[in-house]
Amino acid sequence: MANIIVLPEFGLVADPFIGIITSQGESLSPVLEKVTVLEATADDLVNMLAGEGNMLASFPNREKGLAIGGSITSFWYGLAVGLFIAGIIAFQLIKVG
């Protein structure tokens, strides 16, 4: 791999394959590959908040899975909280009466 010497007194070279300036003898390509994977994972987490689109590790044709799962979960939590509040009110009415 041929590097272009930018500042020989500081040991800086330009890596033409990656397009960055780095120290001579060191390459940042393994770090950049890990950063690319991390960016894809972060984008996947942000897209998960919207509930639309295909996730990285999901099977095909499951684009609306998060939205449907979230609505079903919200329904059951709402039902549980509503029944709990209704039970408290019912016990208060029984205690007063």
C-alpha atoms as a PDB file:
ATOM      1  CA  MET A   1       0.000   0.000   0.000  1.00  0.00           C
ATOM      2  CA  ALA A   2       1.517   3.306  -1.072  1.00  0.00           C
ATOM      3  CA  ASN A   3       1.100   6.327   1.141  1.00  0.00           C
ATOM      4  CA  ILE A   4       1.694   9.930   0.152  1.00  0.00           C
ATOM      5  CA  ILE A   5       4.085  11.733   2.478  1.00  0.00           C
ATOM      6  CA  VAL A   6       2.484  14.967   3.668  1.00  0.00           C
ATOM      7  CA  LEU A   7       4.808  16.199   6.444  1.00  0.00           C
ATOM      8  CA  PRO A   8       7.926  14.051   6.803  1.00  0.00           C
ATOM      9  CA  GLU A   9       9.153  15.960   9.877  1.00  0.00           C
ATOM     10  CA  PHE A  10       6.008  14.965  11.805  1.00  0.00           C
ATOM     11  CA  GLY A  11       5.598  11.561  10.176  1.00  0.00           C
ATOM     12  CA  LEU A  12       2.246  12.350   8.590  1.00  0.00           C
ATOM     13  CA  VAL A  13       1.141  10.525   5.462  1.00  0.00           C
ATOM     14  CA  ALA A  14      -2.054  10.539   3.426  1.00  0.00           C
ATOM     15  CA  ASP A  15      -3.783   7.228   2.902  1.00  0.00           C
ATOM     16  CA  PRO A  16      -5.244   7.417  -0.639  1.00  0.00           C
ATOM     17  CA  PHE A  17      -7.538   4.405  -0.167  1.00  0.00           C
ATOM     18  CA  ILE A  18      -9.306   5.789   2.894  1.00  0.00           C
ATOM     19  CA  GLY A  19      -8.800   9.476   2.152  1.00  0.00           C
ATOM     20  CA  ILE A  20      -7.450  10.620   5.523  1.00  0.00           C
ATOM     21  CA  ILE A  21      -4.159  11.858   6.925  1.00  0.00           C
ATOM     22  CA  THR A  22      -2.656   9.573   9.558  1.00  0.00           C
ATOM     23  CA  SER A  23       0.629   8.814  11.291  1.00  0.00           C
ATOM     24  CA  GLN A  24       3.209   6.913   9.290  1.00  0.00           C
ATOM     25  CA  GLY A  25       3.093   3.178   9.959  1.00  0.00           C
ATOM     26  CA  GLU A  26      -0.413   3.270  11.413  1.00  0.00           C
ATOM     27  CA  SER A  27      -3.636   2.756   9.568  1.00  0.00           C
ATOM     28  CA  LEU A  28      -7.056   3.751  10.804  1.00  0.00           C
ATOM     29  CA  SER A  29      -8.977   1.398   8.516  1.00  0.00           C
ATOM     30  CA  PRO A  30      -9.833  -1.130  11.311  1.00  0.00           C
ATOM     31  CA  VAL A  31     -11.131   1.719  13.457  1.00  0.00           C
ATOM     32  CA  LEU A  32     -13.142   3.142  10.566  1.00  0.00           C
ATOM     33  CA  GLU A  33     -14.714  -0.265   9.902  1.00  0.00           C
ATOM     34  CA  LYS A  34     -15.839  -0.508  13.530  1.00  0.00           C
ATOM     35  CA  VAL A  35     -17.167   3.051  13.406  1.00  0.00           C
ATOM     36  CA  THR A  36     -19.188   2.135  10.309  1.00  0.00           C
ATOM     37  CA  VAL A  37     -20.743  -0.822  12.144  1.00  0.00           C
ATOM     38  CA  LEU A  38     -21.452   1.396  15.153  1.00  0.00           C
ATOM     39  CA  GLU A  39     -23.109   4.036  12.966  1.00  0.00           C
ATOM     40  CA  ALA A  40     -25.338   1.397  11.362  1.00  0.00           C
ATOM     41  CA  THR A  41     -26.366   0.129  14.803  1.00  0.00           C
ATOM     42  CA  ALA A  42     -27.064   3.655  16.060  1.00  0.00           C
ATOM     43  CA  ASP A  43     -29.158   4.421  12.969  1.00  0.00           C
ATOM     44  CA  ASP A  44     -31.067   1.184  13.551  1.00  0.00           C
ATOM     45  CA  LEU A  45     -31.843   2.199  17.145  1.00  0.00           C
ATOM     46  CA  VAL A  46     -33.042   5.639  16.051  1.00  0.00           C
ATOM     47  CA  ASN A  47     -35.195   4.104  13.308  1.00  0.00           C
ATOM     48  CA  MET A  48     -36.672   1.744  15.902  1.00  0.00           C
ATOM     49  CA  LEU A  49     -38.197   4.744  17.666  1.00  0.00           C
ATOM     50  CA  ALA A  50     -40.226   5.577  14.565  1.00  0.00           C
ATOM     51  CA  GLY A  51     -41.638   2.054  14.352  1.00  0.00           C
ATOM     52  CA  GLU A  52     -41.342   1.928  10.581  1.00  0.00           C
ATOM     53  CA  GLY A  53     -38.822   0.429   8.231  1.00  0.00           C
ATOM     54  CA  ASN A  54     -36.826  -2.758   8.242  1.00  0.00           C
ATOM     55  CA  MET A  55     -34.392  -3.374  11.090  1.00  0.00           C
ATOM     56  CA  LEU A  56     -30.879  -4.755  10.549  1.00  0.00           C
ATOM     57  CA  ALA A  57     -31.417  -8.197  12.079  1.00  0.00           C
ATOM     58  CA  SER A  58     -35.075  -8.711  11.200  1.00  0.00           C
ATOM     59  CA  PHE A  59     -36.676 -11.049   8.733  1.00  0.00           C
ATOM     60  CA  PRO A  60     -38.207  -9.747   5.484  1.00  0.00           C
ATOM     61  CA  ASN A  61     -41.761  -8.329   5.375  1.00  0.00           C
ATOM     62  CA  ARG A  62     -41.767  -7.281   9.036  1.00  0.00           C
ATOM     63  CA  GLU A  63     -41.681  -3.535   8.529  1.00  0.00           C
ATOM     64  CA  LYS A  64     -44.704  -2.751  10.729  1.00  0.00           C
ATOM     65  CA  GLY A  65     -43.834  -5.199  13.524  1.00  0.00           C
ATOM     66  CA  LEU A  66     -42.675  -2.551  15.986  1.00  0.00           C
ATOM     67  CA  ALA A  67     -45.749  -0.374  15.492  1.00  0.00           C
ATOM     68  CA  ILE A  68     -48.152  -3.296  15.927  1.00  0.00           C
ATOM     69  CA  GLY A  69     -46.267  -4.649  18.949  1.00  0.00           C
ATOM     70  CA  GLY A  70     -46.147  -1.201  20.544  1.00  0.00           C
ATOM     71  CA  SER A  71     -49.878  -0.632  20.084  1.00  0.00           C
ATOM     72  CA  ILE A  72     -50.758  -4.045  21.561  1.00  0.00           C
ATOM     73  CA  THR A  73     -48.457  -3.409  24.526  1.00  0.00           C
ATOM     74  CA  SER A  74     -49.988   0.042  25.074  1.00  0.00           C
ATOM     75  CA  PHE A  75     -53.485  -1.476  24.953  1.00  0.00           C
ATOM     76  CA  TRP A  76     -52.694  -4.063  27.645  1.00  0.00           C
ATOM     77  CA  TYR A  77     -50.914  -1.572  29.905  1.00  0.00           C
ATOM     78  CA  GLY A  78     -53.849   0.829  29.536  1.00  0.00           C
ATOM     79  CA  LEU A  79     -56.289  -1.950  30.361  1.00  0.00           C
ATOM     80  CA  ALA A  80     -54.291  -2.972  33.446  1.00  0.00           C
ATOM     81  CA  VAL A  81     -53.983   0.593  34.762  1.00  0.00           C
ATOM     82  CA  GLY A  82     -57.663   1.292  34.050  1.00  0.00           C
ATOM     83  CA  LEU A  83     -58.805  -1.844  35.882  1.00  0.00           C
ATOM     84  CA  PHE A  84     -56.521  -0.991  38.803  1.00  0.00           C
ATOM     85  CA  ILE A  85     -58.016   2.498  39.101  1.00  0.00           C
ATOM     86  CA  ALA A  86     -61.544   1.116  38.704  1.00  0.00           C
ATOM     87  CA  GLY A  87     -60.802  -1.414  41.472  1.00  0.00           C
ATOM     88  CA  ILE A  88     -59.614   1.320  43.818  1.00  0.00           C
ATOM     89  CA  ILE A  89     -62.753   3.345  43.145  1.00  0.00           C
ATOM     90  CA  ALA A  90     -64.972   0.269  43.623  1.00  0.00           C
ATOM     91  CA  PHE A  91     -63.353  -0.583  46.977  1.00  0.00           C
ATOM     92  CA  GLN A  92     -63.747   3.019  48.131  1.00  0.00           C
ATOM     93  CA  LEU A  93     -67.443   2.930  47.228  1.00  0.00           C
ATOM     94  CA  ILE A  94     -67.883  -0.384  49.067  1.00  0.00           C
ATOM     95  CA  LYS A  95     -66.067   0.986  52.138  1.00  0.00           C
ATOM     96  CA  VAL A  96     -68.200   4.180  52.211  1.00  0.00           C
ATOM     97  CA  GLY A  97     -71.519   2.349  51.576  1.00  0.00           C
END
